[in-house]
Amino acid sequence: MLSSKFIKFMKALNSGKVENLSCVVNLGRVGLRMAEEYSTRFDLLEIEQCLFLSQFQTPVLEKSEKHLLQLIKKHDPIFSLMEYYDNYPYSYSDINYFFKGCLKSGVEISIKAVNPMAKNNYFKTLLKLEKSLKFYNFFMPWLDKKYKVNEILKDLEKHSFEKFNLINEIKFTKNMEECLLQYKKYNFLKRVRFPKIYSYLSSNNTVVSEFIYGDYFYDLLHCKQLQYKDVLDLIKIQLFFMLKVGVFYNNLHSGNLIMNDEKKIYFLDCNAISVLTPRLRTDLLTVLEAITEGDFEKLAHSFNNMSQEKLSKETIDKLIINLKYSFSTDLIQSNGYIIKFMKLFKVASNHGVIFDNAIFSIFKSFIYFNKLIEKTKSKNTSFENDFKIILTELKEIIKKNK
């Protein structure tokens, strides 16, 4: 049954019909995580397929009710340190449940606890898929040749182990806080916050942090209270970490961002970070500059510099023509500016440019930016101009600090 659902999803990918891809939810949490992995793989899928797969989140799955005392043993030291706690969760995320409590010191806390049964079932399902793939690859060789399913499942397993081990959240949060401290002189970074984590109360399956009061981005979007200028700040912050620091928070979605009354933006669930090498950051900045300048010759050569296998002069000449054509057609002009980036990367991939896998991680953030821009930008506002300003400011910062 599981393998048949998996094959149905792969056939949906192969059909090219975006509406068929909803069947991925039939694979449960593994399916949603697989959709996330594929949503940035512009080298394997059409851009419309990537965008469709990026919309799936854990809330579309039915969740069993879990209480705090079902997830944390009664003799755990945390209970002796709390004045009170809620036994019912106030939120869900993946295989995790969130509970509010208060320490005897008066500090209000959030307790994130893993559902061990959901975690075990997740990895059992993933293992079954990996085993069934060996069989199906024999009869359907296009699965791995066209969609690199082995690579996707291995990446999924690696990323899942990383995210589901809550010790990593403690480590990654500390890493990001150290980066903030290092660059505290930049005013735009003063809006960024990460919740304080109480490491001595945390473990592989539990993270205890300060309870954050504020509004989730999904609530702000729903009530039309999220401002376009806030989105621009978020983009500038994220691009700074990508292009300057080389380490960035890679779990952006509206359920992981909270804005408090002081307009500080809290990044929650810091259980996934990505790293870009200095060479990749330089190449990425050059590519983004070339796109904003409309310099397609420079863009083609920049893509070639990024490629793990270099293109011939003849191929580069063809790439220049097709990049220019793709950017100017009515089809691509109807898309958001950031989605145009993705389409240009797709064109480069179609001409033989082979990207480092790290490049795909940035598009999770880019796709999310595009969604925020669509919902907050006024019709008379040019995001293209605003993006140029952001990129120019960041380039000056990077140049000064070399």
Protein backbone atom coordinates (compact mmCIF):
# COMPACT_ATOMS: atom_id res chain seq x y z
CA MET A 1 0.00 0.00 0.00
CA LEU A 2 2.78 2.45 0.98
CA SER A 3 4.86 1.74 -2.11
CA SER A 4 1.81 2.10 -4.37
CA LYS A 5 1.14 5.58 -2.89
CA PHE A 6 4.77 6.47 -3.49
CA ILE A 7 4.63 5.31 -7.13
CA LYS A 8 1.40 7.25 -7.60
CA PHE A 9 3.18 10.41 -6.47
CA MET A 10 6.14 9.76 -8.77
CA LYS A 11 3.79 9.18 -11.70
CA ALA A 12 2.05 12.44 -10.80
CA LEU A 13 5.43 14.19 -11.05
CA ASN A 14 6.08 12.53 -14.38
CA SER A 15 2.65 13.50 -15.75
CA GLY A 16 3.55 17.19 -15.56
CA LYS A 17 0.05 17.97 -14.25
CA VAL A 18 0.43 20.09 -11.14
CA GLU A 19 -3.03 19.29 -9.75
CA ASN A 20 -2.09 15.58 -9.53
CA LEU A 21 0.63 16.28 -6.98
CA SER A 22 -1.83 16.57 -4.05
CA CYS A 23 -1.57 12.79 -3.67
CA VAL A 24 1.73 13.38 -1.82
CA VAL A 25 -0.28 13.91 1.40
CA ASN A 26 -1.30 10.24 1.25
CA LEU A 27 2.28 9.42 2.25
CA GLY A 28 1.78 11.25 5.55
CA ARG A 29 4.63 13.16 7.17
CA VAL A 30 7.22 11.51 4.93
CA GLY A 31 5.26 12.72 1.92
CA LEU A 32 5.19 16.29 3.20
CA ARG A 33 8.90 16.26 3.87
CA MET A 34 9.50 14.73 0.43
CA ALA A 35 7.41 17.54 -1.09
CA GLU A 36 9.64 20.02 0.76
CA GLU A 37 12.79 18.39 -0.63
CA TYR A 38 11.49 18.44 -4.19
CA SER A 39 10.04 21.96 -3.93
CA THR A 40 13.49 23.53 -4.35
CA ARG A 41 14.80 21.12 -7.00
CA PHE A 42 14.37 23.29 -10.07
CA ASP A 43 16.94 21.01 -11.75
CA LEU A 44 14.51 18.06 -11.60
CA LEU A 45 11.02 19.57 -11.74
CA GLU A 46 9.20 22.32 -13.57
CA ILE A 47 9.01 25.54 -11.57
CA GLU A 48 5.20 25.31 -11.30
CA GLN A 49 5.60 21.86 -9.71
CA CYS A 50 8.14 23.24 -7.23
CA LEU A 51 5.80 26.06 -6.22
CA PHE A 52 2.86 23.70 -5.80
CA LEU A 53 4.85 21.31 -3.59
CA SER A 54 6.09 24.20 -1.42
CA GLN A 55 2.59 24.89 -0.08
CA PHE A 56 2.21 21.70 1.97
CA GLN A 57 2.69 22.01 5.73
CA THR A 58 2.16 19.65 8.67
CA PRO A 59 -1.27 21.12 9.62
CA VAL A 60 -2.84 19.35 6.64
CA LEU A 61 -2.32 16.09 8.54
CA GLU A 62 -4.66 14.89 11.24
CA LYS A 63 -2.88 14.77 14.60
CA SER A 64 -3.61 12.67 17.64
CA GLU A 65 -4.01 14.63 20.86
CA LYS A 66 -1.00 14.29 23.18
CA HIS A 67 -0.63 15.60 26.70
CA LEU A 68 2.59 16.80 28.32
CA LEU A 69 2.54 13.95 30.84
CA GLN A 70 2.37 11.47 27.96
CA LEU A 71 5.54 12.85 26.41
CA ILE A 72 7.69 13.69 29.44
CA LYS A 73 8.07 11.27 32.33
CA LYS A 74 6.60 12.39 35.66
CA HIS A 75 9.95 12.10 37.47
CA ASP A 76 11.69 14.47 35.02
CA PRO A 77 13.41 17.30 36.99
CA ILE A 78 11.54 19.94 35.00
CA PHE A 79 8.31 19.30 36.95
CA SER A 80 9.97 20.09 40.28
CA LEU A 81 11.10 23.45 38.89
CA MET A 82 7.73 24.57 37.54
CA GLU A 83 5.08 26.53 39.37
CA TYR A 84 2.47 25.35 36.88
CA TYR A 85 2.13 23.94 33.38
CA ASP A 86 -0.55 23.27 30.78
CA ASN A 87 -1.07 19.59 30.07
CA TYR A 88 -2.68 20.40 26.70
CA PRO A 89 -0.52 21.69 23.81
CA TYR A 90 -0.99 25.19 22.47
CA SER A 91 0.59 24.30 19.11
CA TYR A 92 1.89 21.49 16.90
CA SER A 93 4.83 21.28 14.53
CA ASP A 94 5.77 18.15 12.62
CA ILE A 95 6.20 15.45 15.28
CA ASN A 96 6.50 18.03 18.06
CA TYR A 97 4.03 19.46 20.58
CA PHE A 98 4.33 22.78 22.39
CA PHE A 99 3.18 23.37 25.97
CA LYS A 100 3.19 26.49 28.11
CA GLY A 101 4.54 26.49 31.64
CA CYS A 102 5.99 28.77 34.28
CA LEU A 103 9.13 28.21 36.35
CA LYS A 104 9.07 28.89 40.09
CA SER A 105 11.28 31.89 39.35
CA GLY A 106 8.30 33.42 37.51
CA VAL A 107 9.74 32.93 34.01
CA GLU A 108 7.15 31.75 31.49
CA ILE A 109 8.43 28.97 29.28
CA SER A 110 7.54 26.96 26.20
CA ILE A 111 8.17 23.22 26.32
CA LYS A 112 8.72 21.52 22.97
CA ALA A 113 8.39 17.74 23.24
CA VAL A 114 8.82 15.05 20.60
CA ASN A 115 6.11 12.45 20.08
CA PRO A 116 8.33 9.30 20.08
CA MET A 117 5.69 7.14 18.40
CA ALA A 118 5.33 9.60 15.51
CA LYS A 119 9.13 9.81 15.23
CA ASN A 120 9.53 6.02 15.09
CA ASN A 121 6.71 5.64 12.57
CA TYR A 122 8.24 8.33 10.40
CA PHE A 123 11.60 6.59 10.12
CA LYS A 124 9.96 3.19 9.65
CA THR A 125 7.99 4.61 6.73
CA LEU A 126 11.14 6.14 5.27
CA LEU A 127 12.97 2.82 5.56
CA LYS A 128 10.11 0.99 3.81
CA LEU A 129 10.25 3.49 0.95
CA GLU A 130 14.00 3.04 0.57
CA LYS A 131 13.61 -0.74 0.43
CA SER A 132 10.72 -0.65 -2.04
CA LEU A 133 12.68 1.73 -4.28
CA LYS A 134 15.31 -0.95 -4.93
CA PHE A 135 12.58 -3.12 -6.42
CA TYR A 136 10.86 -0.38 -8.42
CA ASN A 137 14.12 1.00 -9.83
CA PHE A 138 14.62 -2.28 -11.66
CA PHE A 139 11.28 -2.06 -13.45
CA MET A 140 11.05 1.73 -13.63
CA PRO A 141 14.61 3.02 -14.17
CA TRP A 142 13.28 6.51 -14.98
CA LEU A 143 12.51 7.00 -11.28
CA ASP A 144 16.10 7.54 -10.29
CA LYS A 145 17.40 8.73 -13.64
CA LYS A 146 14.88 11.54 -13.98
CA TYR A 147 14.02 12.37 -10.36
CA LYS A 148 17.10 11.22 -8.40
CA VAL A 149 14.88 9.48 -5.87
CA ASN A 150 17.80 7.78 -4.10
CA GLU A 151 19.47 11.15 -3.57
CA ILE A 152 16.23 12.77 -2.42
CA LEU A 153 15.50 10.01 0.11
CA LYS A 154 19.07 10.11 1.46
CA ASP A 155 18.86 13.91 1.84
CA LEU A 156 15.45 13.52 3.47
CA GLU A 157 16.81 11.01 5.96
CA LYS A 158 19.79 13.23 6.80
CA HIS A 159 17.67 16.37 7.21
CA SER A 160 15.08 14.50 9.28
CA PHE A 161 17.65 13.11 11.73
CA GLU A 162 19.01 16.63 12.06
CA LYS A 163 15.60 18.26 12.66
CA PHE A 164 14.18 15.59 14.95
CA ASN A 165 17.19 15.59 17.29
CA LEU A 166 16.37 18.60 19.44
CA ILE A 167 19.95 18.91 20.66
CA ASN A 168 20.65 20.36 17.20
CA GLU A 169 18.08 23.09 17.80
CA ILE A 170 19.99 24.14 20.91
CA LYS A 171 23.31 24.10 19.01
CA PHE A 172 21.98 25.88 15.93
CA THR A 173 20.24 28.57 17.99
CA LYS A 174 23.51 29.25 19.78
CA ASN A 175 25.33 29.47 16.42
CA MET A 176 22.84 32.02 15.08
CA GLU A 177 22.98 34.08 18.28
CA GLU A 178 26.79 34.20 18.02
CA CYS A 179 26.48 35.47 14.44
CA LEU A 180 24.06 38.18 15.56
CA LEU A 181 26.46 39.25 18.29
CA GLN A 182 29.34 39.42 15.82
CA TYR A 183 27.40 41.74 13.48
CA LYS A 184 25.40 43.69 16.06
CA LYS A 185 26.60 47.03 14.63
CA TYR A 186 24.16 46.73 11.72
CA ASN A 187 20.86 48.35 12.65
CA PHE A 188 18.67 46.12 10.46
CA LEU A 189 19.83 43.06 12.45
CA LYS A 190 18.50 44.56 15.67
CA ARG A 191 15.03 43.32 14.74
CA VAL A 192 16.19 39.68 14.82
CA ARG A 193 15.61 37.57 17.91
CA PHE A 194 15.93 33.92 18.84
CA PRO A 195 14.13 32.63 21.95
CA LYS A 196 16.36 32.03 24.96
CA ILE A 197 16.84 28.29 25.44
CA TYR A 198 17.29 26.70 28.87
CA SER A 199 19.80 24.00 27.96
CA TYR A 200 19.94 22.48 31.44
CA LEU A 201 16.25 21.57 31.15
CA SER A 202 16.49 20.35 27.54
CA SER A 203 17.45 17.04 25.92
CA ASN A 204 17.33 15.09 22.64
CA ASN A 205 13.53 14.99 22.86
CA THR A 206 12.74 18.21 24.75
CA VAL A 207 13.58 21.88 24.31
CA VAL A 208 12.65 24.39 27.00
CA SER A 209 12.75 28.03 25.93
CA GLU A 210 11.29 31.38 26.89
CA PHE A 211 7.64 31.82 25.94
CA ILE A 212 7.31 34.49 23.26
CA TYR A 213 4.32 36.81 23.21
CA GLY A 214 3.43 38.22 19.83
CA ASP A 215 1.67 37.44 16.57
CA TYR A 216 2.60 34.63 14.24
CA PHE A 217 3.14 35.70 10.65
CA TYR A 218 0.22 33.54 9.52
CA ASP A 219 -2.09 35.52 11.82
CA LEU A 220 -0.63 38.82 10.61
CA LEU A 221 -1.14 37.74 7.01
CA HIS A 222 -4.66 36.56 7.66
CA CYS A 223 -5.59 39.89 9.30
CA LYS A 224 -3.60 41.85 6.71
CA GLN A 225 -1.42 43.32 9.44
CA LEU A 226 1.95 42.26 8.06
CA GLN A 227 3.56 45.27 6.41
CA TYR A 228 5.49 45.18 3.14
CA LYS A 229 8.39 46.99 4.83
CA ASP A 230 8.57 44.16 7.38
CA VAL A 231 8.88 41.68 4.50
CA LEU A 232 11.70 43.76 2.98
CA ASP A 233 13.50 43.74 6.33
CA LEU A 234 13.13 39.97 6.55
CA ILE A 235 14.54 39.56 3.03
CA LYS A 236 17.47 41.85 3.81
CA ILE A 237 18.21 39.95 7.02
CA GLN A 238 18.08 36.56 5.32
CA LEU A 239 20.19 37.69 2.36
CA PHE A 240 22.77 39.13 4.76
CA PHE A 241 23.17 35.75 6.43
CA MET A 242 23.34 34.01 3.04
CA LEU A 243 25.74 36.37 1.26
CA LYS A 244 27.85 37.74 4.12
CA VAL A 245 27.79 35.20 6.98
CA GLY A 246 27.32 32.04 4.93
CA VAL A 247 25.19 30.45 7.65
CA PHE A 248 21.44 31.03 7.60
CA TYR A 249 18.21 29.88 9.24
CA ASN A 250 16.55 27.48 6.82
CA ASN A 251 13.16 26.86 8.41
CA LEU A 252 11.29 29.93 7.21
CA HIS A 253 7.51 29.68 7.17
CA SER A 254 4.70 31.69 8.74
CA GLY A 255 4.34 29.31 11.70
CA ASN A 256 7.97 29.85 12.70
CA LEU A 257 8.03 33.65 12.74
CA ILE A 258 6.56 35.83 15.49
CA MET A 259 6.52 39.62 15.69
CA ASN A 260 6.16 41.12 19.16
CA ASP A 261 4.80 44.52 20.19
CA GLU A 262 8.25 46.08 19.79
CA LYS A 263 8.36 44.86 16.17
CA LYS A 264 11.14 42.39 16.91
CA ILE A 265 11.01 39.30 14.69
CA TYR A 266 11.55 36.00 16.51
CA PHE A 267 12.83 33.01 14.55
CA LEU A 268 11.41 29.90 16.19
CA ASP A 269 12.33 26.22 15.77
CA CYS A 270 15.93 26.82 14.73
CA ASN A 271 16.42 23.14 13.92
CA ALA A 272 17.62 23.62 10.34
CA ILE A 273 20.48 25.84 9.20
CA SER A 274 22.31 25.86 5.88
CA VAL A 275 25.91 26.70 5.03
CA LEU A 276 27.22 28.34 1.85
CA THR A 277 30.95 28.31 1.06
CA PRO A 278 32.73 31.66 0.42
CA ARG A 279 33.02 30.75 -3.30
CA LEU A 280 29.32 29.94 -3.58
CA ARG A 281 28.34 33.16 -1.78
CA THR A 282 30.47 35.22 -4.18
CA ASP A 283 29.03 33.46 -7.21
CA LEU A 284 25.48 33.84 -5.90
CA LEU A 285 25.92 37.58 -5.36
CA THR A 286 27.29 37.95 -8.91
CA VAL A 287 24.32 36.04 -10.32
CA LEU A 288 21.81 38.17 -8.42
CA GLU A 289 23.58 41.34 -9.54
CA ALA A 290 23.54 40.23 -13.18
CA ILE A 291 19.81 39.52 -13.00
CA THR A 292 19.00 42.93 -11.49
CA GLU A 293 21.23 44.63 -14.09
CA GLY A 294 19.66 42.68 -16.94
CA ASP A 295 23.17 41.67 -18.05
CA PHE A 296 22.55 38.22 -19.50
CA GLU A 297 26.07 37.73 -20.81
CA LYS A 298 27.43 38.31 -17.32
CA LEU A 299 24.69 36.04 -15.94
CA ALA A 300 25.58 33.17 -18.29
CA HIS A 301 29.26 33.36 -17.39
CA SER A 302 28.36 33.58 -13.69
CA PHE A 303 26.26 30.43 -13.98
CA ASN A 304 29.18 28.75 -15.72
CA ASN A 305 31.46 29.74 -12.83
CA MET A 306 29.00 28.13 -10.41
CA SER A 307 28.75 24.93 -12.44
CA GLN A 308 30.60 21.83 -11.28
CA GLU A 309 31.15 21.01 -14.96
CA LYS A 310 32.12 23.90 -17.26
CA LEU A 311 30.16 24.68 -20.40
CA SER A 312 31.57 25.04 -23.91
CA LYS A 313 31.67 28.47 -25.56
CA GLU A 314 28.92 27.38 -27.94
CA THR A 315 26.68 26.34 -25.04
CA ILE A 316 27.35 29.61 -23.20
CA ASP A 317 26.34 31.56 -26.30
CA LYS A 318 23.07 29.61 -26.49
CA LEU A 319 22.56 30.12 -22.75
CA ILE A 320 22.88 33.91 -23.14
CA ILE A 321 20.19 33.94 -25.84
CA ASN A 322 17.80 31.71 -23.89
CA LEU A 323 18.25 33.55 -20.60
CA LYS A 324 17.37 36.82 -22.31
CA TYR A 325 14.41 35.25 -24.09
CA SER A 326 13.09 33.56 -20.95
CA PHE A 327 13.29 36.75 -18.91
CA SER A 328 11.46 38.82 -21.50
CA THR A 329 8.62 36.48 -22.47
CA ASP A 330 5.08 37.20 -21.33
CA LEU A 331 5.00 33.83 -19.59
CA ILE A 332 7.76 34.71 -17.17
CA GLN A 333 6.78 38.37 -16.87
CA SER A 334 3.54 37.30 -15.20
CA ASN A 335 5.51 35.77 -12.31
CA GLY A 336 6.86 37.43 -9.22
CA TYR A 337 10.37 38.83 -9.52
CA ILE A 338 11.89 36.19 -7.24
CA ILE A 339 10.23 33.36 -9.16
CA LYS A 340 11.96 34.74 -12.25
CA PHE A 341 15.25 33.96 -10.48
CA MET A 342 14.19 30.37 -10.12
CA LYS A 343 13.17 30.17 -13.78
CA LEU A 344 16.53 31.53 -14.88
CA PHE A 345 18.32 28.95 -12.72
CA LYS A 346 16.12 26.35 -14.43
CA VAL A 347 17.22 27.59 -17.85
CA ALA A 348 20.85 27.32 -16.75
CA SER A 349 20.23 23.79 -15.48
CA ASN A 350 18.65 22.82 -18.82
CA HIS A 351 21.84 23.95 -20.56
CA GLY A 352 24.06 21.70 -18.47
CA VAL A 353 24.93 23.86 -15.45
CA ILE A 354 25.36 21.54 -12.46
CA PHE A 355 24.80 23.34 -9.16
CA ASP A 356 26.23 22.51 -5.77
CA ASN A 357 23.40 21.01 -3.69
CA ALA A 358 23.78 23.88 -1.21
CA ILE A 359 22.23 26.22 -3.79
CA PHE A 360 18.86 24.48 -3.49
CA SER A 361 18.57 25.43 0.19
CA ILE A 362 18.31 29.14 -0.65
CA PHE A 363 15.20 28.61 -2.75
CA LYS A 364 13.14 27.48 0.22
CA SER A 365 13.58 31.01 1.58
CA PHE A 366 13.11 32.61 -1.85
CA ILE A 367 9.81 30.82 -2.47
CA TYR A 368 8.59 31.97 0.94
CA PHE A 369 9.65 35.55 0.18
CA ASN A 370 7.62 35.43 -3.01
CA LYS A 371 4.49 34.40 -1.08
CA LEU A 372 4.95 37.24 1.42
CA ILE A 373 5.54 39.80 -1.32
CA GLU A 374 2.39 38.74 -3.19
CA LYS A 375 0.30 39.23 -0.05
CA THR A 376 1.77 42.53 1.19
CA LYS A 377 2.98 44.56 -1.80
CA SER A 378 0.71 47.22 -3.27
CA LYS A 379 0.09 47.26 -7.03
CA ASN A 380 2.00 50.51 -7.45
CA THR A 381 5.12 49.26 -5.65
CA SER A 382 8.06 47.83 -7.58
CA PHE A 383 9.70 45.01 -5.66
CA GLU A 384 12.32 44.84 -8.40
CA ASN A 385 13.56 48.32 -7.40
CA ASP A 386 13.40 47.49 -3.70
CA PHE A 387 15.40 44.32 -4.26
CA LYS A 388 18.06 46.27 -6.16
CA ILE A 389 18.37 48.67 -3.21
CA ILE A 390 18.73 45.79 -0.75
CA LEU A 391 21.34 44.07 -2.91
CA THR A 392 23.32 47.31 -3.35
CA GLU A 393 23.36 47.93 0.42
CA LEU A 394 24.48 44.38 1.14
CA LYS A 395 27.18 44.55 -1.53
CA GLU A 396 28.62 47.67 0.13
CA ILE A 397 28.65 45.89 3.50
CA ILE A 398 30.38 42.84 2.03
CA LYS A 399 32.93 44.98 0.15
CA LYS A 400 33.81 47.03 3.25
CA ASN A 401 34.42 43.97 5.37
CA LYS A 402 36.65 42.03 2.96
